[in-house]
Amino acid sequence: MRLVDLNMLEHLQGFLCVRGIGNIEDAGDVEKAKLRNKQSLTDLKLNFSQDTEPHKTDHELEVLLDAFQPPPNLKYLQISTYNGATFPNWMVSLVNLRCLILFSCANCEFLPPLGRLPSLEILHMFHMDKVEKVGLEFLGVETGRKALGLATISPHVAALRLKLWWQFQSLFCSHDQVKHQVVQYCLIIQP
């Protein structure tokens, strides 16, 4: 099945896994699938592996990921082997997202303000080699508002797992609110 054929599946529901996204030539094909209109889609896995040469630029991958905008009621999202430098703005509009897994997003330097996701319960991030800091911007809090005590991770987050961030410099979150937190293989340096 071709990706554009998803457009015809008006009642697509449940789980969808798309592999080999790095091989897609035109982001327009992704947009034609109209994932954002699949209101019964609850779980989405996006794998950016690429078999073809030359490899896509950061910008080309960012455009592809942006075109995969899912419906706002998505509950589970996994993005793997994504080598873009940034994540799309639509990620913070997933108000029903309960679980987010970011795996092997080696070129990402900054994370979106995931603290704005009110339903997020599980957040796993692995092999995020260029992310050096998880701070107020990750929590969706403006620096000037820090004094108001708003710099906490969503109270619904039950599991926070960070793994293999070799150049990691600092972590800012209210650890008391996270029921299960695992930080493995991270060098954490407080300034």
Protein backbone atom coordinates (compact mmCIF):
# COMPACT_ATOMS: atom_id res chain seq x y z
CA MET A 1 0.00 0.00 0.00
CA ARG A 2 1.24 3.48 -0.83
CA LEU A 3 1.10 6.22 1.76
CA VAL A 4 -1.22 8.37 -0.37
CA ASP A 5 -3.74 5.50 -0.35
CA LEU A 6 -4.42 6.21 3.34
CA ASN A 7 -6.52 9.10 2.08
CA MET A 8 -9.16 6.59 0.97
CA LEU A 9 -9.32 4.94 4.39
CA GLU A 10 -11.75 7.39 5.94
CA HIS A 11 -12.47 5.18 8.95
CA LEU A 12 -8.89 4.25 9.76
CA GLN A 13 -8.73 3.63 13.49
CA GLY A 14 -6.44 2.36 16.21
CA PHE A 15 -2.77 1.82 15.37
CA LEU A 16 -0.70 2.90 12.36
CA CYS A 17 3.02 2.28 11.81
CA VAL A 18 4.85 3.97 8.94
CA ARG A 19 8.40 2.76 8.22
CA GLY A 20 11.03 3.99 5.80
CA ILE A 21 9.88 7.60 5.90
CA GLY A 22 13.37 8.69 4.88
CA ASN A 23 12.71 7.10 1.49
CA ILE A 24 9.69 9.31 0.75
CA GLU A 25 10.55 11.75 -2.03
CA ASP A 26 7.73 14.28 -1.66
CA ALA A 27 6.14 15.57 1.55
CA GLY A 28 3.06 16.30 -0.57
CA ASP A 29 2.40 12.54 -0.68
CA VAL A 30 2.32 12.52 3.11
CA GLU A 31 -0.08 15.47 3.24
CA LYS A 32 -2.39 13.71 0.76
CA ALA A 33 -2.78 10.86 3.28
CA LYS A 34 -4.62 13.40 5.52
CA LEU A 35 -3.70 11.76 8.81
CA ARG A 36 -5.00 14.77 10.75
CA ASN A 37 -8.51 13.85 9.56
CA LYS A 38 -8.33 10.25 10.87
CA GLN A 39 -10.15 11.03 14.12
CA SER A 40 -10.18 7.39 15.29
CA LEU A 41 -6.41 7.00 14.95
CA THR A 42 -5.05 6.68 18.49
CA ASP A 43 -1.54 5.21 18.13
CA LEU A 44 1.09 6.30 15.60
CA LYS A 45 4.65 5.04 15.05
CA LEU A 46 6.83 6.97 12.62
CA ASN A 47 10.15 5.40 11.62
CA PHE A 48 12.45 7.56 9.52
CA SER A 49 14.84 4.84 8.37
CA GLN A 50 16.23 5.41 4.88
CA ASP A 51 17.59 2.88 2.40
CA THR A 52 18.26 5.26 -0.47
CA GLU A 53 21.17 7.60 -1.16
CA PRO A 54 21.78 10.46 -0.83
CA HIS A 55 20.43 10.88 2.69
CA LYS A 56 17.92 13.63 3.29
CA THR A 57 18.97 16.94 4.83
CA ASP A 58 17.73 18.05 8.25
CA HIS A 59 15.31 20.43 6.55
CA GLU A 60 13.89 17.74 4.23
CA LEU A 61 13.27 15.45 7.22
CA GLU A 62 11.66 18.28 9.20
CA VAL A 63 9.27 18.97 6.30
CA LEU A 64 8.38 15.27 6.13
CA LEU A 65 7.68 15.02 9.86
CA ASP A 66 5.61 18.19 9.78
CA ALA A 67 3.47 16.69 6.99
CA PHE A 68 2.61 13.71 9.23
CA GLN A 69 0.43 15.88 11.46
CA PRO A 70 -1.86 13.44 13.27
CA PRO A 71 -5.33 14.12 14.67
CA PRO A 72 -5.30 16.07 17.96
CA ASN A 73 -6.86 13.15 19.86
CA LEU A 74 -3.81 10.88 19.36
CA LYS A 75 -2.89 9.02 22.57
CA TYR A 76 0.44 7.36 21.66
CA LEU A 77 3.24 8.69 19.46
CA GLN A 78 6.62 7.16 18.72
CA ILE A 79 9.19 8.84 16.48
CA SER A 80 12.34 6.88 15.70
CA THR A 81 15.52 7.32 13.66
CA TYR A 82 14.53 10.91 12.92
CA ASN A 83 17.57 13.04 12.04
CA GLY A 84 15.94 16.43 11.72
CA ALA A 85 17.15 19.19 14.02
CA THR A 86 13.72 20.25 15.32
CA PHE A 87 10.29 18.83 16.00
CA PRO A 88 7.10 20.23 14.45
CA ASN A 89 4.81 22.69 16.20
CA TRP A 90 1.86 20.28 16.00
CA MET A 91 3.41 18.15 18.77
CA VAL A 92 2.22 20.57 21.46
CA SER A 93 -1.35 20.47 20.10
CA LEU A 94 -1.76 16.77 20.95
CA VAL A 95 -3.78 17.45 24.08
CA ASN A 96 -4.81 13.81 24.56
CA LEU A 97 -1.31 12.37 24.13
CA ARG A 98 -0.59 9.99 27.02
CA CYS A 99 2.66 8.39 25.84
CA LEU A 100 5.51 9.87 23.80
CA ILE A 101 8.61 7.93 22.78
CA LEU A 102 11.45 9.67 20.96
CA PHE A 103 14.09 7.15 19.93
CA SER A 104 17.35 7.80 18.11
CA CYS A 105 16.65 11.40 17.14
CA ALA A 106 20.38 12.04 16.99
CA ASN A 107 20.40 15.54 15.44
CA CYS A 108 17.74 17.17 17.62
CA GLU A 109 19.25 19.84 19.83
CA PHE A 110 16.08 21.20 21.40
CA LEU A 111 12.90 19.58 22.56
CA PRO A 112 9.44 21.05 22.01
CA PRO A 113 7.64 22.39 25.11
CA LEU A 114 6.21 19.00 26.05
CA GLY A 115 5.26 20.31 29.48
CA ARG A 116 2.23 21.86 27.76
CA LEU A 117 0.74 18.44 27.03
CA PRO A 118 -1.89 18.09 29.78
CA SER A 119 -2.52 14.34 29.37
CA LEU A 120 1.10 13.17 29.03
CA GLU A 121 1.79 10.30 31.44
CA ILE A 122 4.78 8.51 29.91
CA LEU A 123 7.76 10.18 28.27
CA HIS A 124 10.69 8.09 27.06
CA MET A 125 13.62 9.62 25.21
CA PHE A 126 16.54 7.49 24.03
CA HIS A 127 19.67 8.27 22.00
CA MET A 128 19.09 12.01 21.78
CA ASP A 129 22.78 12.72 21.28
CA LYS A 130 22.70 16.48 20.68
CA VAL A 131 20.22 17.47 23.39
CA GLU A 132 22.31 19.08 26.09
CA LYS A 133 19.68 20.59 28.33
CA VAL A 134 16.15 19.95 29.50
CA GLY A 135 15.04 23.23 31.00
CA LEU A 136 12.18 25.64 31.32
CA GLU A 137 11.62 25.79 27.56
CA PHE A 138 10.96 22.01 27.62
CA LEU A 139 8.33 22.55 30.28
CA GLY A 140 6.65 25.27 28.23
CA VAL A 141 7.42 27.91 30.84
CA GLU A 142 8.75 31.32 29.95
CA THR A 143 11.87 32.31 31.86
CA GLY A 144 10.20 35.36 33.39
CA ARG A 145 7.52 33.16 34.95
CA LYS A 146 10.00 30.99 36.86
CA ALA A 147 9.47 33.01 40.01
CA LEU A 148 5.79 32.06 39.99
CA GLY A 149 6.63 28.42 40.60
CA LEU A 150 5.22 27.24 37.27
CA ALA A 151 8.32 25.27 36.32
CA THR A 152 7.07 21.75 36.96
CA ILE A 153 6.50 18.84 34.67
CA SER A 154 2.88 17.87 34.01
CA PRO A 155 1.40 16.33 37.19
CA HIS A 156 0.14 13.40 35.11
CA VAL A 157 3.62 12.23 34.10
CA ALA A 158 4.00 8.81 35.70
CA ALA A 159 7.20 7.75 33.94
CA LEU A 160 10.11 9.80 32.69
CA ARG A 161 12.93 7.87 31.08
CA LEU A 162 16.04 9.46 29.62
CA LYS A 163 18.70 7.17 28.23
CA LEU A 164 22.03 7.56 26.43
CA TRP A 165 22.41 11.32 26.30
CA TRP A 166 26.19 11.51 26.40
CA GLN A 167 26.60 15.29 26.28
CA PHE A 168 23.74 16.06 28.63
CA GLN A 169 24.41 19.15 30.78
CA SER A 170 21.39 19.72 32.99
CA LEU A 171 17.94 18.47 33.90
CA PHE A 172 15.30 20.71 35.37
CA CYS A 173 12.06 19.24 36.62
CA SER A 174 10.25 18.64 39.85
CA HIS A 175 11.38 15.08 40.60
CA ASP A 176 8.84 14.69 43.41
CA GLN A 177 6.00 14.67 40.89
CA VAL A 178 7.40 11.87 38.74
CA LYS A 179 6.44 8.45 40.10
CA HIS A 180 8.96 6.51 38.03
CA GLN A 181 12.02 8.26 36.71
CA VAL A 182 14.97 6.58 35.10
CA VAL A 183 18.03 8.44 33.91
CA GLN A 184 20.53 5.98 32.46
CA TYR A 185 23.94 6.65 30.94
CA CYS A 186 23.62 10.41 31.30
CA LEU A 187 26.27 12.79 32.40
CA ILE A 188 24.37 15.35 34.46
CA ILE A 189 26.23 18.52 35.37
CA GLN A 190 24.48 21.22 37.34
CA PRO A 191 25.75 24.74 36.51
